[in-house]
Protein backbone atom coordinates (compact mmCIF):
# COMPACT_ATOMS: atom_id res chain seq x y z
CA MET A 1 -16.93 -75.09 -154.19
CA THR A 2 -19.72 -74.20 -155.99
CA PRO A 3 -19.62 -71.15 -158.54
CA ASP A 4 -22.21 -68.65 -156.45
CA ASP A 5 -19.40 -69.23 -153.24
CA GLU A 6 -16.57 -68.10 -155.63
CA THR A 7 -18.57 -64.80 -156.73
CA GLU A 8 -19.40 -64.48 -153.00
CA GLU A 9 -15.67 -64.03 -152.17
CA GLU A 10 -14.79 -62.23 -155.14
CA GLN A 11 -17.11 -59.45 -154.34
CA GLU A 12 -15.88 -59.41 -150.63
CA LYS A 13 -12.64 -58.67 -152.36
CA SER A 14 -14.09 -56.07 -154.18
CA ASP A 15 -15.97 -54.18 -151.02
CA GLU A 16 -12.61 -53.59 -149.52
CA GLY A 17 -11.11 -49.88 -150.50
CA SER A 18 -7.66 -48.67 -151.20
CA PRO A 19 -5.78 -46.07 -149.31
CA ALA A 20 -5.39 -44.32 -152.77
CA ALA A 21 -9.25 -44.36 -152.74
CA GLY A 22 -9.16 -43.36 -148.85
CA GLY A 23 -6.52 -40.44 -149.46
CA CYS A 24 -8.84 -38.99 -152.26
CA VAL A 25 -11.99 -39.13 -149.92
CA ILE A 26 -10.00 -37.47 -147.23
CA ALA A 27 -8.31 -34.34 -149.58
CA LEU A 28 -11.89 -33.78 -151.20
CA GLY A 29 -13.44 -33.97 -147.33
CA ILE A 30 -10.68 -31.74 -146.56
CA GLY A 31 -10.37 -29.54 -149.98
CA VAL A 32 -14.23 -28.49 -150.70
CA PRO A 33 -15.27 -26.59 -147.25
CA LEU A 34 -11.22 -25.11 -147.13
CA ALA A 35 -12.37 -23.54 -151.01
CA GLY A 36 -15.18 -22.23 -149.70
CA VAL A 37 -13.65 -20.46 -146.55
CA TYR A 38 -10.99 -19.45 -148.97
CA ALA A 39 -13.72 -17.88 -151.33
CA ALA A 40 -15.22 -16.16 -148.37
CA SER A 41 -12.49 -14.42 -146.78
CA VAL A 42 -8.52 -15.35 -148.01
CA ASP A 43 -7.42 -14.71 -144.23
CA ALA A 44 -9.83 -16.71 -142.85
CA GLY A 45 -8.56 -19.37 -145.47
CA VAL A 46 -5.14 -18.55 -144.45
CA LEU A 47 -5.90 -19.41 -140.78
CA ALA A 48 -7.87 -22.77 -141.77
CA THR A 49 -5.07 -24.18 -143.78
CA LEU A 50 -2.61 -23.31 -140.59
CA ALA A 51 -5.48 -24.76 -138.31
CA ILE A 52 -5.39 -28.01 -140.06
CA GLY A 53 -1.70 -28.27 -140.98
CA THR A 54 -0.90 -28.01 -137.18
CA ALA A 55 -3.91 -30.35 -136.09
CA ALA A 56 -2.31 -32.76 -138.60
CA LEU A 57 1.24 -32.33 -137.29
CA TRP A 58 0.17 -32.76 -134.20
CA ARG A 59 -1.46 -35.93 -134.80
CA ALA A 60 0.98 -37.13 -136.74
CA ALA A 61 3.57 -36.90 -134.12
CA ARG A 62 1.30 -38.35 -131.25
CA SER A 63 0.81 -41.53 -133.38
CA VAL A 64 4.42 -42.40 -133.93
CA PRO A 65 4.99 -45.54 -131.48
CA SER A 66 7.77 -45.26 -128.71
CA THR A 67 10.39 -48.27 -128.52
CA ALA A 68 8.57 -50.30 -125.92
CA ASN A 69 10.97 -53.13 -125.71
CA PRO A 70 14.62 -51.91 -126.86
CA ALA A 71 17.35 -54.20 -127.35
CA PRO A 72 19.34 -54.72 -123.69
CA PRO A 73 22.82 -53.20 -123.77
CA PRO A 74 25.80 -55.49 -124.54
CA PRO A 75 27.35 -56.84 -121.00
CA LEU A 76 30.77 -54.88 -119.89
CA GLU A 77 33.85 -55.70 -121.44
CA GLY A 78 36.00 -58.18 -119.41
CA ALA A 79 32.29 -60.04 -118.05
CA GLY A 80 32.75 -63.02 -119.91
CA ASN A 81 29.50 -64.74 -120.01
CA ALA A 82 27.04 -62.56 -118.17
CA LYS A 83 23.13 -63.21 -117.87
CA SER A 84 21.45 -60.25 -117.95
CA LEU A 85 18.06 -59.61 -115.29
CA PHE A 86 15.46 -57.50 -115.94
CA SER A 87 13.14 -55.53 -113.39
CA VAL A 88 10.48 -53.34 -114.05
CA VAL A 89 10.28 -50.17 -112.36
CA GLU A 90 7.08 -49.64 -110.53
CA ASP A 91 6.64 -45.71 -110.49
CA ARG A 92 7.78 -45.49 -114.15
CA PRO A 93 5.78 -47.00 -116.85
CA GLY A 94 8.02 -48.57 -119.44
CA HIS A 95 11.25 -48.40 -117.54
CA CYS A 96 13.27 -51.01 -116.42
CA THR A 97 16.52 -51.57 -114.70
CA ILE A 98 19.01 -54.35 -115.85
CA ASN A 99 21.36 -56.35 -114.05
CA TRP A 100 24.24 -58.09 -114.96
CA GLN A 101 25.02 -61.09 -113.64
CA LYS A 102 28.17 -63.62 -114.25
CA GLU A 103 27.35 -67.35 -114.90
CA GLY A 104 27.24 -69.66 -112.10
CA SER A 105 27.79 -66.89 -109.40
């Protein structure tokens, strides 16, 4: 590896932004225009703040991933060595049925 290769790798690593820097850019991108709205009209500034907060809350709630593959429930008591068979429900995406069968049957 030559010294030129090492400096290129260091430059590539330094080009990556940090999450804190991204947060500051977003805060300034929202804060500066919002300050202008407040300067023009306090009522409009309050409405704009509520609208931005509602949109941010809605987006955060929509981005929470659902549990796509939850763990199967334990076999019923007295089932002994039971094997679970999963089948996908065609009409309902993300749903499945679980059938328990005893081993050897």
